[in-house]
Amino acid sequence: MRKAIIAAIAAFAFLAGCSQADKGPGIPVGPKWKGAPYRLAIDAKAPAPNKAGITIPSITYTANPEALETRATLVIRFDSSGAKTDKPITDQMIIGPFDIAGTSGALPADYISTADTGLARLLGAYCMKGNVKLSMAIARSSLSPQAADAELNAKLLSDWLPLQVVFKNPHPTC
């Protein structure tokens, strides 16, 4: 008889605990992922400049699994304070879209190489050399090539990643 009473009390306590658990503790649970849908990081230390005159290191990404994109575009901004020109300066470069897959990975090496070449031409046109401060982010692939700040901010998928690289102009004409 004693065992039956203990079993009944244990069963009652278990059932009472289950009904309490269904209600939850009353503490709101926030989202697991906070911030922009993608996070960028530099995979390694910046290598020496290539034949284009600049080398952006490999860029890796981690994505929010609930906000995945299939295509994105890389936006590069640079500090134009070292420019030696009287021409108006464009301090932003938007590269065409690339395929992005999964919740983590790296931007394609040939895509980064294209960014190197384009950025080297732009920096060379402004007679820049030496250390150049960059900021990189990825945005939705629908971003226009000459996007203003409002459009860019609306379509950003990541926060800005600061980076400093060395630019050696292979065709110095300045």
C-alpha atoms as a PDB file:
ATOM      1  CA  MET A   1       0.000   0.000   0.000  1.00  0.00           C
ATOM      2  CA  ARG A   2       2.827   2.370   0.863  1.00  0.00           C
ATOM      3  CA  LYS A   3       4.423   1.835  -2.586  1.00  0.00           C
ATOM      4  CA  ALA A   4       1.126   2.620  -4.312  1.00  0.00           C
ATOM      5  CA  ILE A   5       0.763   5.922  -2.436  1.00  0.00           C
ATOM      6  CA  ILE A   6       4.343   6.965  -3.256  1.00  0.00           C
ATOM      7  CA  ALA A   7       3.816   6.061  -6.914  1.00  0.00           C
ATOM      8  CA  ALA A   8       0.566   8.049  -7.000  1.00  0.00           C
ATOM      9  CA  ILE A   9       2.247  11.102  -5.427  1.00  0.00           C
ATOM     10  CA  ALA A  10       5.180  10.843  -7.867  1.00  0.00           C
ATOM     11  CA  ALA A  11       2.809  10.551 -10.841  1.00  0.00           C
ATOM     12  CA  PHE A  12       0.786  13.534  -9.633  1.00  0.00           C
ATOM     13  CA  ALA A  13       3.960  15.600  -9.167  1.00  0.00           C
ATOM     14  CA  PHE A  14       5.158  14.647 -12.645  1.00  0.00           C
ATOM     15  CA  LEU A  15       1.840  15.599 -14.244  1.00  0.00           C
ATOM     16  CA  ALA A  16       1.705  18.862 -12.318  1.00  0.00           C
ATOM     17  CA  GLY A  17       5.221  19.682 -13.518  1.00  0.00           C
ATOM     18  CA  CYS A  18       4.276  18.989 -17.131  1.00  0.00           C
ATOM     19  CA  SER A  19       1.283  21.290 -17.013  1.00  0.00           C
ATOM     20  CA  GLN A  20       3.465  24.033 -15.557  1.00  0.00           C
ATOM     21  CA  ALA A  21       6.097  23.529 -18.286  1.00  0.00           C
ATOM     22  CA  ASP A  22       3.526  24.066 -21.025  1.00  0.00           C
ATOM     23  CA  LYS A  23       2.914  27.585 -19.762  1.00  0.00           C
ATOM     24  CA  GLY A  24       6.609  28.532 -19.959  1.00  0.00           C
ATOM     25  CA  PRO A  25       8.511  30.582 -17.417  1.00  0.00           C
ATOM     26  CA  GLY A  26       7.073  33.865 -18.681  1.00  0.00           C
ATOM     27  CA  ILE A  27      10.446  35.140 -19.886  1.00  0.00           C
ATOM     28  CA  PRO A  28      10.356  36.197 -23.535  1.00  0.00           C
ATOM     29  CA  VAL A  29      12.928  34.391 -25.657  1.00  0.00           C
ATOM     30  CA  GLY A  30      14.703  36.653 -28.142  1.00  0.00           C
ATOM     31  CA  PRO A  31      15.989  35.550 -31.525  1.00  0.00           C
ATOM     32  CA  LYS A  32      19.144  33.458 -31.538  1.00  0.00           C
ATOM     33  CA  TRP A  33      20.777  35.572 -34.266  1.00  0.00           C
ATOM     34  CA  LYS A  34      21.171  39.292 -33.647  1.00  0.00           C
ATOM     35  CA  GLY A  35      22.350  41.888 -36.130  1.00  0.00           C
ATOM     36  CA  ALA A  36      22.778  41.710 -39.885  1.00  0.00           C
ATOM     37  CA  PRO A  37      21.915  38.422 -41.648  1.00  0.00           C
ATOM     38  CA  TYR A  38      25.556  37.820 -42.628  1.00  0.00           C
ATOM     39  CA  ARG A  39      28.841  38.267 -40.774  1.00  0.00           C
ATOM     40  CA  LEU A  40      32.080  38.749 -42.689  1.00  0.00           C
ATOM     41  CA  ALA A  41      35.580  37.918 -41.497  1.00  0.00           C
ATOM     42  CA  ILE A  42      39.075  37.907 -42.945  1.00  0.00           C
ATOM     43  CA  ASP A  43      40.295  34.355 -43.404  1.00  0.00           C
ATOM     44  CA  ALA A  44      44.002  35.132 -43.104  1.00  0.00           C
ATOM     45  CA  LYS A  45      46.469  37.966 -42.822  1.00  0.00           C
ATOM     46  CA  ALA A  46      46.609  40.213 -45.887  1.00  0.00           C
ATOM     47  CA  PRO A  47      49.081  38.772 -48.390  1.00  0.00           C
ATOM     48  CA  ALA A  48      51.625  40.831 -50.322  1.00  0.00           C
ATOM     49  CA  PRO A  49      50.275  42.820 -53.289  1.00  0.00           C
ATOM     50  CA  ASN A  50      49.819  40.797 -56.480  1.00  0.00           C
ATOM     51  CA  LYS A  51      50.609  41.918 -60.040  1.00  0.00           C
ATOM     52  CA  ALA A  52      47.545  44.210 -59.975  1.00  0.00           C
ATOM     53  CA  GLY A  53      49.168  46.081 -57.066  1.00  0.00           C
ATOM     54  CA  ILE A  54      46.753  45.102 -54.289  1.00  0.00           C
ATOM     55  CA  THR A  55      45.561  41.845 -52.746  1.00  0.00           C
ATOM     56  CA  ILE A  56      42.403  41.545 -50.692  1.00  0.00           C
ATOM     57  CA  PRO A  57      42.666  38.529 -48.388  1.00  0.00           C
ATOM     58  CA  SER A  58      40.126  35.731 -48.486  1.00  0.00           C
ATOM     59  CA  ILE A  59      36.767  36.746 -46.987  1.00  0.00           C
ATOM     60  CA  THR A  60      34.614  34.247 -45.139  1.00  0.00           C
ATOM     61  CA  TYR A  61      30.974  34.572 -44.159  1.00  0.00           C
ATOM     62  CA  THR A  62      28.584  33.114 -41.609  1.00  0.00           C
ATOM     63  CA  ALA A  63      24.851  33.457 -42.220  1.00  0.00           C
ATOM     64  CA  ASN A  64      21.682  33.455 -40.207  1.00  0.00           C
ATOM     65  CA  PRO A  65      20.011  30.182 -41.274  1.00  0.00           C
ATOM     66  CA  GLU A  66      16.628  31.912 -41.259  1.00  0.00           C
ATOM     67  CA  ALA A  67      17.693  34.715 -43.650  1.00  0.00           C
ATOM     68  CA  LEU A  68      19.726  33.022 -46.388  1.00  0.00           C
ATOM     69  CA  GLU A  69      20.289  34.627 -49.784  1.00  0.00           C
ATOM     70  CA  THR A  70      21.355  32.882 -52.990  1.00  0.00           C
ATOM     71  CA  ARG A  71      23.167  35.859 -54.573  1.00  0.00           C
ATOM     72  CA  ALA A  72      24.938  38.866 -53.144  1.00  0.00           C
ATOM     73  CA  THR A  73      27.274  41.624 -54.259  1.00  0.00           C
ATOM     74  CA  LEU A  74      30.435  42.970 -52.632  1.00  0.00           C
ATOM     75  CA  VAL A  75      30.681  46.665 -51.810  1.00  0.00           C
ATOM     76  CA  ILE A  76      34.110  48.156 -51.132  1.00  0.00           C
ATOM     77  CA  ARG A  77      34.674  51.628 -49.748  1.00  0.00           C
ATOM     78  CA  PHE A  78      38.119  53.123 -49.354  1.00  0.00           C
ATOM     79  CA  ASP A  79      39.626  56.108 -47.582  1.00  0.00           C
ATOM     80  CA  SER A  80      40.371  58.598 -50.344  1.00  0.00           C
ATOM     81  CA  SER A  81      42.369  61.009 -48.174  1.00  0.00           C
ATOM     82  CA  GLY A  82      45.603  59.856 -49.860  1.00  0.00           C
ATOM     83  CA  ALA A  83      44.343  60.661 -53.361  1.00  0.00           C
ATOM     84  CA  LYS A  84      46.501  63.031 -55.396  1.00  0.00           C
ATOM     85  CA  THR A  85      44.089  64.349 -57.982  1.00  0.00           C
ATOM     86  CA  ASP A  86      41.856  67.312 -58.687  1.00  0.00           C
ATOM     87  CA  LYS A  87      39.179  65.069 -60.209  1.00  0.00           C
ATOM     88  CA  PRO A  88      36.010  64.229 -58.278  1.00  0.00           C
ATOM     89  CA  ILE A  89      36.637  61.080 -56.255  1.00  0.00           C
ATOM     90  CA  THR A  90      34.434  58.014 -56.110  1.00  0.00           C
ATOM     91  CA  ASP A  91      35.324  56.206 -52.909  1.00  0.00           C
ATOM     92  CA  GLN A  92      33.029  53.225 -53.423  1.00  0.00           C
ATOM     93  CA  MET A  93      33.130  50.245 -55.734  1.00  0.00           C
ATOM     94  CA  ILE A  94      30.250  47.811 -56.230  1.00  0.00           C
ATOM     95  CA  ILE A  95      31.222  44.534 -57.842  1.00  0.00           C
ATOM     96  CA  GLY A  96      28.751  42.355 -59.759  1.00  0.00           C
ATOM     97  CA  PRO A  97      26.791  39.613 -58.003  1.00  0.00           C
ATOM     98  CA  PHE A  98      28.178  36.241 -56.968  1.00  0.00           C
ATOM     99  CA  ASP A  99      26.482  33.016 -55.876  1.00  0.00           C
ATOM    100  CA  ILE A 100      26.368  32.418 -52.166  1.00  0.00           C
ATOM    101  CA  ALA A 101      25.388  29.050 -50.728  1.00  0.00           C
ATOM    102  CA  GLY A 102      24.890  27.658 -47.259  1.00  0.00           C
ATOM    103  CA  THR A 103      25.281  29.171 -43.839  1.00  0.00           C
ATOM    104  CA  SER A 104      29.065  29.513 -44.025  1.00  0.00           C
ATOM    105  CA  GLY A 105      31.797  29.628 -46.604  1.00  0.00           C
ATOM    106  CA  ALA A 106      34.142  31.983 -48.420  1.00  0.00           C
ATOM    107  CA  LEU A 107      33.705  34.409 -51.268  1.00  0.00           C
ATOM    108  CA  PRO A 108      35.013  32.807 -54.478  1.00  0.00           C
ATOM    109  CA  ALA A 109      38.740  33.347 -55.108  1.00  0.00           C
ATOM    110  CA  ASP A 110      38.192  34.485 -58.719  1.00  0.00           C
ATOM    111  CA  TYR A 111      35.627  37.003 -57.478  1.00  0.00           C
ATOM    112  CA  ILE A 112      38.149  38.455 -54.995  1.00  0.00           C
ATOM    113  CA  SER A 113      40.731  38.544 -57.799  1.00  0.00           C
ATOM    114  CA  THR A 114      38.298  40.589 -59.923  1.00  0.00           C
ATOM    115  CA  ALA A 115      37.839  42.937 -56.957  1.00  0.00           C
ATOM    116  CA  ASP A 116      41.640  43.274 -56.678  1.00  0.00           C
ATOM    117  CA  THR A 117      41.956  44.283 -60.327  1.00  0.00           C
ATOM    118  CA  GLY A 118      39.081  46.766 -60.254  1.00  0.00           C
ATOM    119  CA  LEU A 119      40.203  48.361 -57.007  1.00  0.00           C
ATOM    120  CA  ALA A 120      43.806  48.634 -58.267  1.00  0.00           C
ATOM    121  CA  ARG A 121      42.605  50.516 -61.368  1.00  0.00           C
ATOM    122  CA  LEU A 122      40.542  52.884 -59.257  1.00  0.00           C
ATOM    123  CA  LEU A 123      43.318  53.569 -56.743  1.00  0.00           C
ATOM    124  CA  GLY A 124      45.855  53.972 -59.555  1.00  0.00           C
ATOM    125  CA  ALA A 125      43.639  56.544 -61.267  1.00  0.00           C
ATOM    126  CA  TYR A 126      43.734  58.607 -58.065  1.00  0.00           C
ATOM    127  CA  CYS A 127      47.540  58.263 -57.747  1.00  0.00           C
ATOM    128  CA  MET A 128      47.269  56.536 -54.400  1.00  0.00           C
ATOM    129  CA  LYS A 129      49.948  54.313 -52.913  1.00  0.00           C
ATOM    130  CA  GLY A 130      50.910  52.715 -49.631  1.00  0.00           C
ATOM    131  CA  ASN A 131      48.461  51.683 -46.927  1.00  0.00           C
ATOM    132  CA  VAL A 132      44.806  52.037 -47.872  1.00  0.00           C
ATOM    133  CA  LYS A 133      41.930  51.648 -45.429  1.00  0.00           C
ATOM    134  CA  LEU A 134      39.017  49.637 -46.829  1.00  0.00           C
ATOM    135  CA  SER A 135      35.560  48.763 -45.572  1.00  0.00           C
ATOM    136  CA  MET A 136      33.733  45.856 -47.167  1.00  0.00           C
ATOM    137  CA  ALA A 137      30.167  44.589 -46.898  1.00  0.00           C
ATOM    138  CA  ILE A 138      27.849  42.385 -48.875  1.00  0.00           C
ATOM    139  CA  ALA A 139      24.468  43.548 -50.115  1.00  0.00           C
ATOM    140  CA  ARG A 140      21.547  42.109 -52.045  1.00  0.00           C
ATOM    141  CA  SER A 141      22.348  41.402 -55.676  1.00  0.00           C
ATOM    142  CA  SER A 142      19.644  43.859 -56.794  1.00  0.00           C
ATOM    143  CA  LEU A 143      21.854  46.768 -55.666  1.00  0.00           C
ATOM    144  CA  SER A 144      22.419  49.201 -58.528  1.00  0.00           C
ATOM    145  CA  PRO A 145      26.035  49.773 -59.676  1.00  0.00           C
ATOM    146  CA  GLN A 146      25.955  53.449 -58.634  1.00  0.00           C
ATOM    147  CA  ALA A 147      23.907  53.022 -55.435  1.00  0.00           C
ATOM    148  CA  ALA A 148      23.550  55.975 -53.100  1.00  0.00           C
ATOM    149  CA  ASP A 149      23.781  55.574 -49.335  1.00  0.00           C
ATOM    150  CA  ALA A 150      19.994  55.207 -48.851  1.00  0.00           C
ATOM    151  CA  GLU A 151      19.715  52.300 -51.296  1.00  0.00           C
ATOM    152  CA  LEU A 152      22.899  50.715 -49.987  1.00  0.00           C
ATOM    153  CA  ASN A 153      21.766  50.866 -46.359  1.00  0.00           C
ATOM    154  CA  ALA A 154      18.399  49.347 -47.293  1.00  0.00           C
ATOM    155  CA  LYS A 155      20.029  46.397 -49.084  1.00  0.00           C
ATOM    156  CA  LEU A 156      23.007  45.633 -46.821  1.00  0.00           C
ATOM    157  CA  LEU A 157      23.273  42.006 -45.726  1.00  0.00           C
ATOM    158  CA  SER A 158      26.293  42.435 -43.435  1.00  0.00           C
ATOM    159  CA  ASP A 159      27.979  45.015 -41.282  1.00  0.00           C
ATOM    160  CA  TRP A 160      31.047  46.801 -42.642  1.00  0.00           C
ATOM    161  CA  LEU A 161      34.313  44.876 -42.276  1.00  0.00           C
ATOM    162  CA  PRO A 162      37.327  47.202 -41.844  1.00  0.00           C
ATOM    163  CA  LEU A 163      40.609  46.211 -43.444  1.00  0.00           C
ATOM    164  CA  GLN A 164      43.925  47.821 -44.287  1.00  0.00           C
ATOM    165  CA  VAL A 165      45.853  46.727 -47.386  1.00  0.00           C
ATOM    166  CA  VAL A 166      49.002  47.842 -49.166  1.00  0.00           C
ATOM    167  CA  PHE A 167      48.683  49.271 -52.679  1.00  0.00           C
ATOM    168  CA  LYS A 168      51.719  49.350 -54.942  1.00  0.00           C
ATOM    169  CA  ASN A 169      50.789  51.002 -58.208  1.00  0.00           C
ATOM    170  CA  PRO A 170      52.314  48.808 -60.943  1.00  0.00           C
ATOM    171  CA  HIS A 171      51.985  51.663 -63.495  1.00  0.00           C
ATOM    172  CA  PRO A 172      53.018  54.806 -61.629  1.00  0.00           C
ATOM    173  CA  THR A 173      52.235  57.835 -63.758  1.00  0.00           C
ATOM    174  CA  CYS A 174      51.871  60.339 -60.941  1.00  0.00           C
END
